[in-house]
Amino acid sequence: MTICRKESKTMDATQATQIRTLLLEAADAIDRAHAIVSALDGSEARALLATPLDEISSALHFELLQKLYLRYPGLTEQGEGWEGTMV
């Protein structure tokens, strides 16, 4: 019996940069959505969406991006053109 396994592939600097770019684009979109929600009339509409948006934003910045920056510290210093190595 043969078991098919996906080949494990570690993240390289190019992939880390691509992921960072996508996460930052997502953060910008969440910020824009939050601005719209903040301007809504009626506290019920704001309350419905503001908290989940805050939670998503926090998770994105303080979990996903932070872990990426800890593994690839050059991303925070060099931005999208970084070609460093993993720590």
C-alpha atoms as a PDB file:
ATOM      1  CA  MET A   1       0.000   0.000   0.000  1.00  0.00           C
ATOM      2  CA  THR A   2       1.385   3.376  -0.987  1.00  0.00           C
ATOM      3  CA  ILE A   3       0.497   6.524   0.824  1.00  0.00           C
ATOM      4  CA  CYS A   4       0.691   9.713  -1.152  1.00  0.00           C
ATOM      5  CA  ARG A   5       2.208  12.564   0.780  1.00  0.00           C
ATOM      6  CA  LYS A   6       2.529  16.138  -0.217  1.00  0.00           C
ATOM      7  CA  GLU A   7       6.123  17.220  -0.339  1.00  0.00           C
ATOM      8  CA  SER A   8       6.860  19.553   2.545  1.00  0.00           C
ATOM      9  CA  LYS A   9       8.178  22.885   1.357  1.00  0.00           C
ATOM     10  CA  THR A  10       9.557  25.576   3.610  1.00  0.00           C
ATOM     11  CA  MET A  11       8.847  29.217   3.002  1.00  0.00           C
ATOM     12  CA  ASP A  12      11.584  31.163   1.237  1.00  0.00           C
ATOM     13  CA  ALA A  13      12.234  34.925   1.188  1.00  0.00           C
ATOM     14  CA  THR A  14      10.232  35.432  -2.016  1.00  0.00           C
ATOM     15  CA  GLN A  15       7.206  33.657  -0.605  1.00  0.00           C
ATOM     16  CA  ALA A  16       7.528  35.541   2.690  1.00  0.00           C
ATOM     17  CA  THR A  17       7.555  38.815   0.766  1.00  0.00           C
ATOM     18  CA  GLN A  18       4.499  37.783  -1.262  1.00  0.00           C
ATOM     19  CA  ILE A  19       2.621  36.762   1.888  1.00  0.00           C
ATOM     20  CA  ARG A  20       3.571  40.047   3.582  1.00  0.00           C
ATOM     21  CA  THR A  21       2.302  42.032   0.598  1.00  0.00           C
ATOM     22  CA  LEU A  22      -1.024  40.201   0.606  1.00  0.00           C
ATOM     23  CA  LEU A  23      -1.426  40.585   4.373  1.00  0.00           C
ATOM     24  CA  LEU A  24      -0.704  44.308   4.185  1.00  0.00           C
ATOM     25  CA  GLU A  25      -3.230  44.674   1.349  1.00  0.00           C
ATOM     26  CA  ALA A  26      -5.768  42.845   3.512  1.00  0.00           C
ATOM     27  CA  ALA A  27      -4.954  45.161   6.435  1.00  0.00           C
ATOM     28  CA  ASP A  28      -5.549  48.203   4.205  1.00  0.00           C
ATOM     29  CA  ALA A  29      -8.902  46.786   3.065  1.00  0.00           C
ATOM     30  CA  ILE A  30      -9.927  46.107   6.663  1.00  0.00           C
ATOM     31  CA  ASP A  31      -8.943  49.657   7.636  1.00  0.00           C
ATOM     32  CA  ARG A  32     -11.048  51.062   4.780  1.00  0.00           C
ATOM     33  CA  ALA A  33     -14.010  48.903   5.808  1.00  0.00           C
ATOM     34  CA  HIS A  34     -13.585  50.026   9.420  1.00  0.00           C
ATOM     35  CA  ALA A  35     -13.664  53.676   8.333  1.00  0.00           C
ATOM     36  CA  ILE A  36     -16.948  53.083   6.515  1.00  0.00           C
ATOM     37  CA  VAL A  37     -18.407  51.211   9.494  1.00  0.00           C
ATOM     38  CA  SER A  38     -17.334  54.009  11.854  1.00  0.00           C
ATOM     39  CA  ALA A  39     -19.261  56.508   9.740  1.00  0.00           C
ATOM     40  CA  LEU A  40     -22.494  54.487   9.788  1.00  0.00           C
ATOM     41  CA  ASP A  41     -25.510  56.039  11.418  1.00  0.00           C
ATOM     42  CA  GLY A  42     -26.874  54.030  14.301  1.00  0.00           C
ATOM     43  CA  SER A  43     -24.867  52.333  16.975  1.00  0.00           C
ATOM     44  CA  GLU A  44     -26.419  48.933  16.188  1.00  0.00           C
ATOM     45  CA  ALA A  45     -24.885  48.802  12.718  1.00  0.00           C
ATOM     46  CA  ARG A  46     -21.493  49.927  14.034  1.00  0.00           C
ATOM     47  CA  ALA A  47     -21.608  47.472  16.935  1.00  0.00           C
ATOM     48  CA  LEU A  48     -22.434  44.615  14.594  1.00  0.00           C
ATOM     49  CA  LEU A  49     -19.326  45.106  12.454  1.00  0.00           C
ATOM     50  CA  ALA A  50     -16.767  47.142  14.400  1.00  0.00           C
ATOM     51  CA  THR A  51     -15.792  44.471  16.932  1.00  0.00           C
ATOM     52  CA  PRO A  52     -15.245  41.678  14.381  1.00  0.00           C
ATOM     53  CA  LEU A  53     -13.206  44.058  12.201  1.00  0.00           C
ATOM     54  CA  ASP A  54     -11.074  44.997  15.217  1.00  0.00           C
ATOM     55  CA  GLU A  55     -10.520  41.319  16.013  1.00  0.00           C
ATOM     56  CA  ILE A  56      -9.520  40.523  12.435  1.00  0.00           C
ATOM     57  CA  SER A  57      -7.163  43.505  12.324  1.00  0.00           C
ATOM     58  CA  SER A  58      -5.541  42.522  15.617  1.00  0.00           C
ATOM     59  CA  ALA A  59      -5.074  38.926  14.494  1.00  0.00           C
ATOM     60  CA  LEU A  60      -3.575  40.065  11.208  1.00  0.00           C
ATOM     61  CA  HIS A  61      -1.113  42.489  12.792  1.00  0.00           C
ATOM     62  CA  PHE A  62      -0.281  40.815  16.085  1.00  0.00           C
ATOM     63  CA  GLU A  63      -0.388  37.183  15.062  1.00  0.00           C
ATOM     64  CA  LEU A  64       0.176  36.694  11.337  1.00  0.00           C
ATOM     65  CA  LEU A  65       2.461  39.620  10.488  1.00  0.00           C
ATOM     66  CA  GLN A  66       4.305  39.429  13.797  1.00  0.00           C
ATOM     67  CA  LYS A  67       5.127  35.746  13.238  1.00  0.00           C
ATOM     68  CA  LEU A  68       6.263  36.494   9.711  1.00  0.00           C
ATOM     69  CA  TYR A  69       8.497  39.345  10.934  1.00  0.00           C
ATOM     70  CA  LEU A  70       9.967  37.189  13.706  1.00  0.00           C
ATOM     71  CA  ARG A  71      10.932  34.539  11.190  1.00  0.00           C
ATOM     72  CA  TYR A  72      12.062  37.023   8.530  1.00  0.00           C
ATOM     73  CA  PRO A  73      13.163  40.178  10.399  1.00  0.00           C
ATOM     74  CA  GLY A  74      14.494  41.770   7.209  1.00  0.00           C
ATOM     75  CA  LEU A  75      10.932  42.151   5.940  1.00  0.00           C
ATOM     76  CA  THR A  76      10.234  44.914   8.431  1.00  0.00           C
ATOM     77  CA  GLU A  77      13.438  46.758   7.524  1.00  0.00           C
ATOM     78  CA  GLN A  78      13.664  46.294   3.787  1.00  0.00           C
ATOM     79  CA  GLY A  79      10.030  46.178   2.736  1.00  0.00           C
ATOM     80  CA  GLU A  80       8.909  44.371  -0.378  1.00  0.00           C
ATOM     81  CA  GLY A  81      12.318  44.272  -2.036  1.00  0.00           C
ATOM     82  CA  TRP A  82      13.925  42.264   0.752  1.00  0.00           C
ATOM     83  CA  GLU A  83      16.012  39.287  -0.355  1.00  0.00           C
ATOM     84  CA  GLY A  84      17.397  38.179   2.999  1.00  0.00           C
ATOM     85  CA  THR A  85      17.524  34.819   4.669  1.00  0.00           C
ATOM     86  CA  MET A  86      15.537  33.143   7.363  1.00  0.00           C
ATOM     87  CA  VAL A  87      16.745  33.475  10.953  1.00  0.00           C
END
